Amino acid sequence: MKIMIIDDEPDVLDYLTAVLEDNGFDTCTIEEDKPLDEAIQSYSPDLIILDIMMPRRSGVSIYKELRSTHEFKTIPIAIISGMLPEKDFKKSFQNLVNDNTISLPDGFIEKPIQLKELLELIQKLLN
């Protein structure tokens, strides 16, 4: 299974890549300001892990782009964030997106990332 990670923090990219590859996943990382279309089309991820707070381009705008692009909108997306509490995530995220036609993400991982929760969510989303 292929997982694409979109984040601005090199330490997070390195950590997630190592953890996921140690657990048998094929990974690809992309920085938030790189062209998504080409990367997604060439890699064909089964899941995207997307950071929400990034300096050059927000994860919200990337999420909206992915959900608005016909060929990408069925790829499961898990959001990672240190600013949105898990218990209020759906409401908070919907307020950030500010578009009722855009579906909510398939999963959420709160920072700091707990390895067991991350792997459980990934298994759930890929099944």
Protein backbone atom coordinates (compact mmCIF):
# COMPACT_ATOMS: atom_id res chain seq x y z
CA MET A 1 0.00 0.00 0.00
CA LYS A 2 1.24 3.47 -0.92
CA ILE A 3 0.96 6.43 1.44
CA MET A 4 1.75 10.02 0.45
CA ILE A 5 2.73 12.42 3.24
CA ILE A 6 2.31 16.16 2.74
CA ASP A 7 3.94 18.24 5.47
CA ASP A 8 6.29 21.21 5.84
CA GLU A 9 8.36 19.86 8.73
CA PRO A 10 11.34 17.69 7.65
CA ASP A 11 11.41 15.96 11.07
CA VAL A 12 7.76 14.93 10.75
CA LEU A 13 8.32 13.72 7.18
CA ASP A 14 11.34 11.68 8.28
CA TYR A 15 9.54 10.24 11.33
CA LEU A 16 6.39 9.27 9.44
CA THR A 17 8.38 7.82 6.55
CA ALA A 18 10.49 5.68 8.89
CA VAL A 19 7.51 4.48 10.94
CA LEU A 20 5.38 3.65 7.92
CA GLU A 21 8.16 1.92 6.01
CA ASP A 22 9.05 -0.09 9.14
CA ASN A 23 5.42 -1.24 9.12
CA GLY A 24 5.50 -2.39 5.50
CA PHE A 25 4.10 0.65 3.70
CA ASP A 26 5.56 2.29 0.62
CA THR A 27 5.81 6.05 1.21
CA CYS A 28 6.27 9.21 -0.77
CA THR A 29 6.70 12.69 0.69
CA ILE A 30 5.89 16.01 -0.86
CA GLU A 31 6.32 19.53 0.41
CA GLU A 32 3.24 21.73 0.51
CA ASP A 33 4.38 24.09 -2.25
CA LYS A 34 5.17 21.42 -4.86
CA PRO A 35 2.73 20.58 -7.71
CA LEU A 36 0.27 18.01 -6.38
CA ASP A 37 -1.27 16.83 -9.63
CA GLU A 38 1.94 15.41 -11.07
CA ALA A 39 3.04 13.82 -7.81
CA ILE A 40 -0.30 12.14 -7.15
CA GLN A 41 -0.72 10.94 -10.73
CA SER A 42 2.78 9.44 -10.85
CA TYR A 43 2.67 7.90 -7.36
CA SER A 44 -1.03 6.85 -7.20
CA PRO A 45 -1.28 6.81 -3.38
CA ASP A 46 -3.80 4.62 -1.57
CA LEU A 47 -3.88 7.16 1.29
CA ILE A 48 -2.73 10.75 1.83
CA ILE A 49 -1.60 12.07 5.22
CA LEU A 50 -1.90 15.86 5.16
CA ASP A 51 -0.70 18.43 7.66
CA ILE A 52 -3.19 21.25 8.15
CA MET A 53 -0.89 24.10 9.28
CA MET A 54 1.88 24.90 6.84
CA PRO A 55 3.51 28.26 6.13
CA ARG A 56 3.55 28.41 2.32
CA ARG A 57 0.23 26.77 1.54
CA SER A 58 -2.41 25.72 4.00
CA GLY A 59 -3.48 22.12 4.28
CA VAL A 60 -7.06 23.34 4.01
CA SER A 61 -6.46 24.70 0.49
CA ILE A 62 -4.67 21.48 -0.50
CA TYR A 63 -7.54 19.45 0.94
CA LYS A 64 -10.11 21.50 -0.96
CA GLU A 65 -8.12 21.06 -4.17
CA LEU A 66 -7.90 17.30 -3.70
CA ARG A 67 -11.60 16.93 -2.90
CA SER A 68 -12.55 19.14 -5.87
CA THR A 69 -10.44 17.20 -8.39
CA HIS A 70 -12.43 14.31 -9.87
CA GLU A 71 -9.54 11.82 -10.09
CA PHE A 72 -8.34 12.50 -6.52
CA LYS A 73 -11.55 12.86 -4.53
CA THR A 74 -11.85 9.16 -3.69
CA ILE A 75 -8.34 8.88 -2.18
CA PRO A 76 -8.72 8.65 1.62
CA ILE A 77 -7.16 11.61 3.44
CA ALA A 78 -6.07 11.71 7.08
CA ILE A 79 -5.41 15.16 8.51
CA ILE A 80 -2.67 15.70 11.09
CA SER A 81 -2.78 18.76 13.30
CA GLY A 82 -1.52 20.09 16.57
CA MET A 83 -4.02 22.95 16.64
CA LEU A 84 -7.37 21.19 16.18
CA PRO A 85 -8.48 19.10 19.16
CA GLU A 86 -9.72 15.65 18.20
CA LYS A 87 -13.00 15.98 20.08
CA ASP A 88 -14.01 19.09 18.10
CA PHE A 89 -12.22 18.19 14.88
CA LYS A 90 -15.21 17.80 12.54
CA LYS A 91 -16.81 21.09 13.55
CA SER A 92 -13.49 22.99 13.60
CA PHE A 93 -12.41 21.58 10.24
CA GLN A 94 -15.76 22.36 8.61
CA ASN A 95 -15.38 25.96 9.83
CA LEU A 96 -11.90 26.14 8.29
CA VAL A 97 -13.05 24.70 4.96
CA ASN A 98 -16.11 26.96 4.94
CA ASP A 99 -17.73 24.96 2.14
CA ASN A 100 -20.54 22.51 2.84
CA THR A 101 -20.04 20.81 -0.53
CA ILE A 102 -16.59 19.54 0.54
CA SER A 103 -16.73 16.30 2.52
CA LEU A 104 -14.90 15.92 5.81
CA PRO A 105 -11.55 14.09 5.91
CA ASP A 106 -11.59 10.34 6.36
CA GLY A 107 -9.48 10.51 9.50
CA PHE A 108 -7.67 12.75 11.96
CA ILE A 109 -4.40 12.39 13.84
CA GLU A 110 -3.60 14.82 16.63
CA LYS A 111 -0.01 15.97 17.18
CA PRO A 112 2.05 14.83 18.91
CA ILE A 113 1.45 11.71 16.87
CA GLN A 114 0.84 8.52 18.83
CA LEU A 115 2.23 5.60 16.83
CA LYS A 116 -0.43 3.06 17.83
CA GLU A 117 -3.29 5.44 16.94
CA LEU A 118 -1.66 6.34 13.63
CA LEU A 119 -1.25 2.72 12.57
CA GLU A 120 -4.80 1.82 13.66
CA LEU A 121 -6.21 4.73 11.64
CA ILE A 122 -4.17 3.79 8.57
CA GLN A 123 -5.36 0.17 8.74
CA LYS A 124 -8.96 1.34 9.10
CA LEU A 125 -8.71 3.71 6.12
CA LEU A 126 -6.97 1.20 3.86
CA ASN A 127 -9.45 -1.64 4.54
